[in-house]
Amino acid sequence: MKKIQNIGIVLLLLISSSALAQQESILAFYGNHLNLVNPAAVSVNGETQFRTSVRQQWAGVKDAPQTQAASFMSPLKNNLAIGVSVVRDQVFIEKQTFVAVDFSYKVKLNESLNLFMGIKAGGNNYEVNTTGLQTYNYNISDPSLQSISRFNPNIGVGF
């Protein structure tokens, strides 16, 4: 049994060491813009809020990564709340703009406990502009260097 457990641990370490990932830009603003991740957070404070955040890396470097976020949250009547969020992310030749509208509803379970339910609808405009890239082989065009422009819809729920 101990031998099987040791083999499992070694396999887990080998698999996890080859995993690659990249952090989404919205996670950098999670603390100030909770509705970017969970639409139910729009009505948690019960007050109108407008928040903005800017993150810029490598200041002074051309095409350095930069991200801006803005979110607006406001309660409505009958335990409803609405929120709007915009995130713009730019890294070198890649640009993304995410826009979403959130609706949230508060259910009072008892005197000290509330349940917040939310729904999100929006989309992400994703662009890659490869026209400014410098290639070293001028005679042959690379088909993988095509510019990309597409819209990806996004819906979600949160509690």
C-alpha atoms as a PDB file:
ATOM      1  CA  MET A   1       0.000   0.000   0.000  1.00  0.00           C
ATOM      2  CA  LYS A   2       2.846   2.359   0.870  1.00  0.00           C
ATOM      3  CA  LYS A   3       4.499   1.644  -2.502  1.00  0.00           C
ATOM      4  CA  ILE A   4       1.311   2.568  -4.421  1.00  0.00           C
ATOM      5  CA  GLN A   5       1.008   5.779  -2.412  1.00  0.00           C
ATOM      6  CA  ASN A   6       4.628   6.750  -3.185  1.00  0.00           C
ATOM      7  CA  ILE A   7       4.146   6.054  -6.904  1.00  0.00           C
ATOM      8  CA  GLY A   8       0.998   8.200  -6.858  1.00  0.00           C
ATOM      9  CA  ILE A   9       2.844  11.100  -5.216  1.00  0.00           C
ATOM     10  CA  VAL A  10       5.705  10.893  -7.735  1.00  0.00           C
ATOM     11  CA  LEU A  11       3.255  10.832 -10.667  1.00  0.00           C
ATOM     12  CA  LEU A  12       1.363  13.796  -9.236  1.00  0.00           C
ATOM     13  CA  LEU A  13       4.592  15.799  -8.898  1.00  0.00           C
ATOM     14  CA  LEU A  14       5.658  14.952 -12.450  1.00  0.00           C
ATOM     15  CA  ILE A  15       2.293  15.930 -13.910  1.00  0.00           C
ATOM     16  CA  SER A  16       1.978  19.149 -11.929  1.00  0.00           C
ATOM     17  CA  SER A  17       5.498  20.314 -12.829  1.00  0.00           C
ATOM     18  CA  SER A  18       4.599  20.343 -16.532  1.00  0.00           C
ATOM     19  CA  ALA A  19       1.375  22.348 -16.139  1.00  0.00           C
ATOM     20  CA  LEU A  20       1.349  25.811 -17.694  1.00  0.00           C
ATOM     21  CA  ALA A  21      -1.090  28.600 -16.906  1.00  0.00           C
ATOM     22  CA  GLN A  22      -1.580  32.319 -17.237  1.00  0.00           C
ATOM     23  CA  GLN A  23      -3.437  34.589 -14.845  1.00  0.00           C
ATOM     24  CA  GLU A  24      -6.490  36.336 -16.241  1.00  0.00           C
ATOM     25  CA  SER A  25      -6.290  40.104 -15.988  1.00  0.00           C
ATOM     26  CA  ILE A  26      -9.525  40.344 -13.997  1.00  0.00           C
ATOM     27  CA  LEU A  27      -8.010  38.416 -11.104  1.00  0.00           C
ATOM     28  CA  ALA A  28      -5.619  41.302 -10.458  1.00  0.00           C
ATOM     29  CA  PHE A  29      -8.642  43.496  -9.614  1.00  0.00           C
ATOM     30  CA  TYR A  30     -10.684  40.909  -7.726  1.00  0.00           C
ATOM     31  CA  GLY A  31     -10.457  42.723  -4.380  1.00  0.00           C
ATOM     32  CA  ASN A  32     -11.903  45.997  -5.711  1.00  0.00           C
ATOM     33  CA  HIS A  33     -14.240  44.666  -8.400  1.00  0.00           C
ATOM     34  CA  LEU A  34     -15.918  41.576  -6.929  1.00  0.00           C
ATOM     35  CA  ASN A  35     -18.618  41.611  -9.610  1.00  0.00           C
ATOM     36  CA  LEU A  36     -16.024  40.735 -12.283  1.00  0.00           C
ATOM     37  CA  VAL A  37     -15.929  37.216 -10.864  1.00  0.00           C
ATOM     38  CA  ASN A  38     -19.322  36.861  -9.171  1.00  0.00           C
ATOM     39  CA  PRO A  39     -22.412  38.791 -10.352  1.00  0.00           C
ATOM     40  CA  ALA A  40     -24.129  38.280  -6.976  1.00  0.00           C
ATOM     41  CA  ALA A  41     -21.603  40.697  -5.420  1.00  0.00           C
ATOM     42  CA  VAL A  42     -23.413  43.630  -7.056  1.00  0.00           C
ATOM     43  CA  SER A  43     -25.941  43.875  -4.214  1.00  0.00           C
ATOM     44  CA  VAL A  44     -23.805  42.824  -1.248  1.00  0.00           C
ATOM     45  CA  ASN A  45     -22.989  46.348   0.007  1.00  0.00           C
ATOM     46  CA  GLY A  46     -26.449  47.736  -0.723  1.00  0.00           C
ATOM     47  CA  GLU A  47     -25.083  51.087  -1.890  1.00  0.00           C
ATOM     48  CA  THR A  48     -24.237  52.777  -5.179  1.00  0.00           C
ATOM     49  CA  GLN A  49     -20.545  52.445  -6.020  1.00  0.00           C
ATOM     50  CA  PHE A  50     -18.290  53.423  -8.915  1.00  0.00           C
ATOM     51  CA  ARG A  51     -14.757  52.029  -8.900  1.00  0.00           C
ATOM     52  CA  THR A  52     -11.841  52.281 -11.291  1.00  0.00           C
ATOM     53  CA  SER A  53      -8.452  50.588 -11.291  1.00  0.00           C
ATOM     54  CA  VAL A  54      -5.374  50.850 -13.488  1.00  0.00           C
ATOM     55  CA  ARG A  55      -2.450  48.468 -13.631  1.00  0.00           C
ATOM     56  CA  GLN A  56       0.580  49.219 -15.785  1.00  0.00           C
ATOM     57  CA  GLN A  57       3.725  47.127 -15.874  1.00  0.00           C
ATOM     58  CA  TRP A  58       7.140  48.119 -17.172  1.00  0.00           C
ATOM     59  CA  ALA A  59       6.369  51.845 -17.334  1.00  0.00           C
ATOM     60  CA  GLY A  60       8.108  53.517 -20.260  1.00  0.00           C
ATOM     61  CA  VAL A  61       8.456  50.323 -22.331  1.00  0.00           C
ATOM     62  CA  LYS A  62       6.625  50.383 -25.672  1.00  0.00           C
ATOM     63  CA  ASP A  63       3.568  48.069 -25.766  1.00  0.00           C
ATOM     64  CA  ALA A  64       4.033  47.146 -22.098  1.00  0.00           C
ATOM     65  CA  PRO A  65       1.145  45.289 -20.410  1.00  0.00           C
ATOM     66  CA  GLN A  66      -1.589  47.526 -19.056  1.00  0.00           C
ATOM     67  CA  THR A  67      -5.062  46.881 -17.723  1.00  0.00           C
ATOM     68  CA  GLN A  68      -7.883  49.250 -16.835  1.00  0.00           C
ATOM     69  CA  ALA A  69     -11.113  48.306 -15.071  1.00  0.00           C
ATOM     70  CA  ALA A  70     -14.259  50.225 -14.188  1.00  0.00           C
ATOM     71  CA  SER A  71     -17.345  48.959 -12.429  1.00  0.00           C
ATOM     72  CA  PHE A  72     -20.628  50.521 -11.364  1.00  0.00           C
ATOM     73  CA  MET A  73     -23.067  48.962  -8.898  1.00  0.00           C
ATOM     74  CA  SER A  74     -26.395  50.322  -7.719  1.00  0.00           C
ATOM     75  CA  PRO A  75     -29.335  48.924  -5.761  1.00  0.00           C
ATOM     76  CA  LEU A  76     -32.785  49.057  -7.328  1.00  0.00           C
ATOM     77  CA  LYS A  77     -36.205  48.460  -5.794  1.00  0.00           C
ATOM     78  CA  ASN A  78     -37.445  45.141  -4.375  1.00  0.00           C
ATOM     79  CA  ASN A  79     -34.029  43.703  -3.377  1.00  0.00           C
ATOM     80  CA  LEU A  80     -32.694  43.999  -6.938  1.00  0.00           C
ATOM     81  CA  ALA A  81     -29.360  45.508  -7.934  1.00  0.00           C
ATOM     82  CA  ILE A  82     -27.631  46.215 -11.244  1.00  0.00           C
ATOM     83  CA  GLY A  83     -23.992  46.445 -12.139  1.00  0.00           C
ATOM     84  CA  VAL A  84     -21.916  47.259 -15.210  1.00  0.00           C
ATOM     85  CA  SER A  85     -18.241  46.416 -15.623  1.00  0.00           C
ATOM     86  CA  VAL A  86     -15.650  47.154 -18.299  1.00  0.00           C
ATOM     87  CA  VAL A  87     -12.121  45.726 -18.396  1.00  0.00           C
ATOM     88  CA  ARG A  88      -9.569  46.633 -21.065  1.00  0.00           C
ATOM     89  CA  ASP A  89      -6.365  44.604 -21.250  1.00  0.00           C
ATOM     90  CA  GLN A  90      -3.483  45.249 -23.653  1.00  0.00           C
ATOM     91  CA  VAL A  91      -0.283  43.242 -23.981  1.00  0.00           C
ATOM     92  CA  PHE A  92       1.996  43.861 -26.978  1.00  0.00           C
ATOM     93  CA  ILE A  93      -0.116  42.980 -30.066  1.00  0.00           C
ATOM     94  CA  GLU A  94      -3.055  41.536 -28.115  1.00  0.00           C
ATOM     95  CA  LYS A  95      -6.020  43.642 -26.915  1.00  0.00           C
ATOM     96  CA  GLN A  96      -9.128  42.540 -25.039  1.00  0.00           C
ATOM     97  CA  THR A  97     -12.152  44.521 -23.941  1.00  0.00           C
ATOM     98  CA  PHE A  98     -14.661  42.827 -21.665  1.00  0.00           C
ATOM     99  CA  VAL A  99     -18.067  44.417 -21.008  1.00  0.00           C
ATOM    100  CA  ALA A 100     -20.755  42.877 -18.788  1.00  0.00           C
ATOM    101  CA  VAL A 101     -24.052  43.726 -17.141  1.00  0.00           C
ATOM    102  CA  ASP A 102     -24.912  42.077 -13.824  1.00  0.00           C
ATOM    103  CA  PHE A 103     -28.254  41.661 -12.080  1.00  0.00           C
ATOM    104  CA  SER A 104     -28.475  40.543  -8.485  1.00  0.00           C
ATOM    105  CA  TYR A 105     -31.322  39.620  -6.156  1.00  0.00           C
ATOM    106  CA  LYS A 106     -31.158  39.437  -2.347  1.00  0.00           C
ATOM    107  CA  VAL A 107     -33.197  36.778  -0.504  1.00  0.00           C
ATOM    108  CA  LYS A 108     -33.510  37.289   3.232  1.00  0.00           C
ATOM    109  CA  LEU A 109     -33.268  33.812   4.802  1.00  0.00           C
ATOM    110  CA  ASN A 110     -33.574  34.985   8.418  1.00  0.00           C
ATOM    111  CA  GLU A 111     -32.722  38.048  10.546  1.00  0.00           C
ATOM    112  CA  SER A 112     -28.971  37.666  10.169  1.00  0.00           C
ATOM    113  CA  LEU A 113     -28.561  35.661   6.955  1.00  0.00           C
ATOM    114  CA  ASN A 114     -29.024  36.744   3.330  1.00  0.00           C
ATOM    115  CA  LEU A 115     -28.565  34.844   0.069  1.00  0.00           C
ATOM    116  CA  PHE A 116     -27.442  36.853  -2.954  1.00  0.00           C
ATOM    117  CA  MET A 117     -28.098  35.449  -6.425  1.00  0.00           C
ATOM    118  CA  GLY A 118     -26.725  37.007  -9.587  1.00  0.00           C
ATOM    119  CA  ILE A 119     -26.689  36.642 -13.346  1.00  0.00           C
ATOM    120  CA  LYS A 120     -24.141  38.091 -15.771  1.00  0.00           C
ATOM    121  CA  ALA A 121     -24.405  38.776 -19.504  1.00  0.00           C
ATOM    122  CA  GLY A 122     -21.726  40.330 -21.655  1.00  0.00           C
ATOM    123  CA  GLY A 123     -18.874  39.597 -23.964  1.00  0.00           C
ATOM    124  CA  ASN A 124     -15.219  39.879 -24.748  1.00  0.00           C
ATOM    125  CA  ASN A 125     -13.861  41.582 -27.861  1.00  0.00           C
ATOM    126  CA  TYR A 126     -10.505  39.919 -28.599  1.00  0.00           C
ATOM    127  CA  GLU A 127      -8.026  41.349 -31.118  1.00  0.00           C
ATOM    128  CA  VAL A 128      -4.534  40.398 -32.221  1.00  0.00           C
ATOM    129  CA  ASN A 129      -2.882  42.768 -34.690  1.00  0.00           C
ATOM    130  CA  THR A 130       0.142  41.086 -36.300  1.00  0.00           C
ATOM    131  CA  THR A 131       0.806  43.767 -38.929  1.00  0.00           C
ATOM    132  CA  GLY A 132       3.477  45.415 -36.775  1.00  0.00           C
ATOM    133  CA  LEU A 133       5.502  42.237 -36.245  1.00  0.00           C
ATOM    134  CA  GLN A 134       8.907  42.005 -37.865  1.00  0.00           C
ATOM    135  CA  THR A 135       9.698  38.683 -39.550  1.00  0.00           C
ATOM    136  CA  TYR A 136      13.093  37.525 -40.731  1.00  0.00           C
ATOM    137  CA  ASN A 137      11.998  35.781 -43.917  1.00  0.00           C
ATOM    138  CA  TYR A 138      10.594  38.384 -46.288  1.00  0.00           C
ATOM    139  CA  ASN A 139       9.897  35.986 -49.185  1.00  0.00           C
ATOM    140  CA  ILE A 140       7.602  33.526 -47.415  1.00  0.00           C
ATOM    141  CA  SER A 141       4.539  34.661 -45.500  1.00  0.00           C
ATOM    142  CA  ASP A 142       3.713  32.785 -42.321  1.00  0.00           C
ATOM    143  CA  PRO A 143       0.033  31.682 -42.235  1.00  0.00           C
ATOM    144  CA  SER A 144       0.108  31.544 -38.431  1.00  0.00           C
ATOM    145  CA  LEU A 145       0.631  35.327 -38.308  1.00  0.00           C
ATOM    146  CA  GLN A 146      -2.928  36.204 -39.277  1.00  0.00           C
ATOM    147  CA  SER A 147      -4.608  39.029 -37.404  1.00  0.00           C
ATOM    148  CA  ILE A 148      -7.529  37.964 -35.215  1.00  0.00           C
ATOM    149  CA  SER A 149     -10.647  39.890 -34.305  1.00  0.00           C
ATOM    150  CA  ARG A 150     -13.590  38.136 -32.686  1.00  0.00           C
ATOM    151  CA  PHE A 151     -16.341  38.602 -30.138  1.00  0.00           C
ATOM    152  CA  ASN A 152     -16.908  35.943 -27.473  1.00  0.00           C
ATOM    153  CA  PRO A 153     -20.223  36.112 -25.582  1.00  0.00           C
ATOM    154  CA  ASN A 154     -20.218  35.395 -21.872  1.00  0.00           C
ATOM    155  CA  ILE A 155     -23.023  34.498 -19.466  1.00  0.00           C
ATOM    156  CA  GLY A 156     -22.747  33.422 -15.870  1.00  0.00           C
ATOM    157  CA  VAL A 157     -24.463  32.968 -12.539  1.00  0.00           C
ATOM    158  CA  GLY A 158     -23.229  33.372  -9.005  1.00  0.00           C
ATOM    159  CA  PHE A 159     -24.410  32.919  -5.424  1.00  0.00           C
END
